[in-house]
Amino acid sequence: MSETAPGVITGRLTLRGHEVEVKIPYTANSYAIEYAGSSNMKYNAKKNRIHPKYNQWVRNLDLNISRFAQKK
C-alpha cells in the first residue's frame, strides 16, 4: 500500500501468480475500494466478470480497513 495522491492509496496483492491492484480514495469519514487493474484474474470488462477470489480479497481488505478505523 502506498499513498499515490492526496487522499488516494494504491494497494497491490500478488498471490500464486495472480495480481490485483486497487485504488482507495478516502476522506476523514469515508473510503471506497475501486478496481484499478489485474493480471491472471480472468477479467472481462464487457461481461463485468473477474476471478471469484477478487471479491473475497476485496472483502477481506474492507474488513481490515474497518477494523483499523475503529481502533482510532
Protein backbone atom coordinates (compact mmCIF):
# COMPACT_ATOMS: atom_id res chain seq x y z
CA MET A 1 0.00 0.00 0.00
CA SER A 2 1.21 3.49 -0.79
CA GLU A 3 -0.32 6.93 -0.95
CA THR A 4 -0.17 7.85 -4.64
CA ALA A 5 -2.00 11.17 -4.40
CA PRO A 6 -3.54 13.22 -1.60
CA GLY A 7 -6.49 11.19 -0.34
CA VAL A 8 -5.72 8.14 -2.52
CA ILE A 9 -3.94 4.93 -1.53
CA THR A 10 -2.99 2.31 -4.10
CA GLY A 11 -2.82 -1.30 -2.98
CA ARG A 12 -1.45 -4.33 -4.78
CA LEU A 13 -1.78 -8.02 -3.93
CA THR A 14 0.34 -10.66 -5.64
CA LEU A 15 -0.53 -14.24 -4.74
CA ARG A 16 0.13 -17.54 -6.53
CA GLY A 17 0.60 -15.92 -9.93
CA HIS A 18 -2.40 -13.58 -9.58
CA GLU A 19 -2.05 -9.83 -9.22
CA VAL A 20 -4.69 -7.28 -8.28
CA GLU A 21 -4.39 -3.51 -7.93
CA VAL A 22 -6.97 -1.29 -6.22
CA LYS A 23 -7.26 2.42 -5.57
CA ILE A 24 -8.68 3.53 -2.25
CA PRO A 25 -9.87 7.15 -2.26
CA TYR A 26 -10.57 8.31 1.28
CA THR A 27 -11.60 11.20 3.49
CA ALA A 28 -11.75 11.52 7.25
CA ASN A 29 -15.23 9.96 7.17
CA SER A 30 -15.31 7.50 4.28
CA TYR A 31 -13.41 5.40 1.78
CA ALA A 32 -14.05 3.30 -1.31
CA ILE A 33 -12.21 0.37 -2.87
CA GLU A 34 -12.01 0.64 -6.66
CA TYR A 35 -10.65 -1.84 -9.21
CA ALA A 36 -7.51 -0.45 -10.85
CA GLY A 37 -6.10 -3.46 -12.68
CA SER A 38 -5.18 -7.13 -12.54
CA SER A 39 -3.32 -9.95 -14.23
CA ASN A 40 -4.24 -13.64 -14.38
CA MET A 41 -7.66 -12.85 -12.87
CA LYS A 42 -9.78 -13.60 -15.98
CA TYR A 43 -11.07 -10.01 -16.00
CA ASN A 44 -13.62 -9.29 -18.74
CA ALA A 45 -14.92 -5.70 -18.75
CA LYS A 46 -17.62 -6.40 -21.35
CA LYS A 47 -19.13 -9.21 -19.27
CA ASN A 48 -18.33 -7.47 -15.96
CA ARG A 49 -16.56 -10.62 -14.71
CA ILE A 50 -13.43 -11.39 -12.75
CA HIS A 51 -12.00 -14.36 -10.85
CA PRO A 52 -14.15 -15.13 -7.76
CA LYS A 53 -11.16 -14.66 -5.44
CA TYR A 54 -11.06 -10.94 -6.31
CA ASN A 55 -14.28 -10.25 -4.42
CA GLN A 56 -13.10 -12.32 -1.46
CA TRP A 57 -9.81 -10.42 -1.32
CA VAL A 58 -11.60 -7.05 -1.54
CA ARG A 59 -14.00 -8.08 1.26
CA ASN A 60 -11.01 -9.01 3.42
CA LEU A 61 -9.36 -5.67 2.67
CA ASP A 62 -12.59 -3.84 3.53
CA LEU A 63 -12.86 -5.69 6.86
CA ASN A 64 -9.25 -4.88 7.73
CA ILE A 65 -9.70 -1.19 6.90
CA SER A 66 -12.88 -1.07 9.01
CA ARG A 67 -11.15 -2.74 11.97
CA PHE A 68 -8.21 -0.37 11.71
CA ALA A 69 -10.51 2.68 11.55
CA GLN A 70 -12.45 1.53 14.63
CA LYS A 71 -9.25 1.38 16.68
CA LYS A 72 -8.52 5.07 16.03
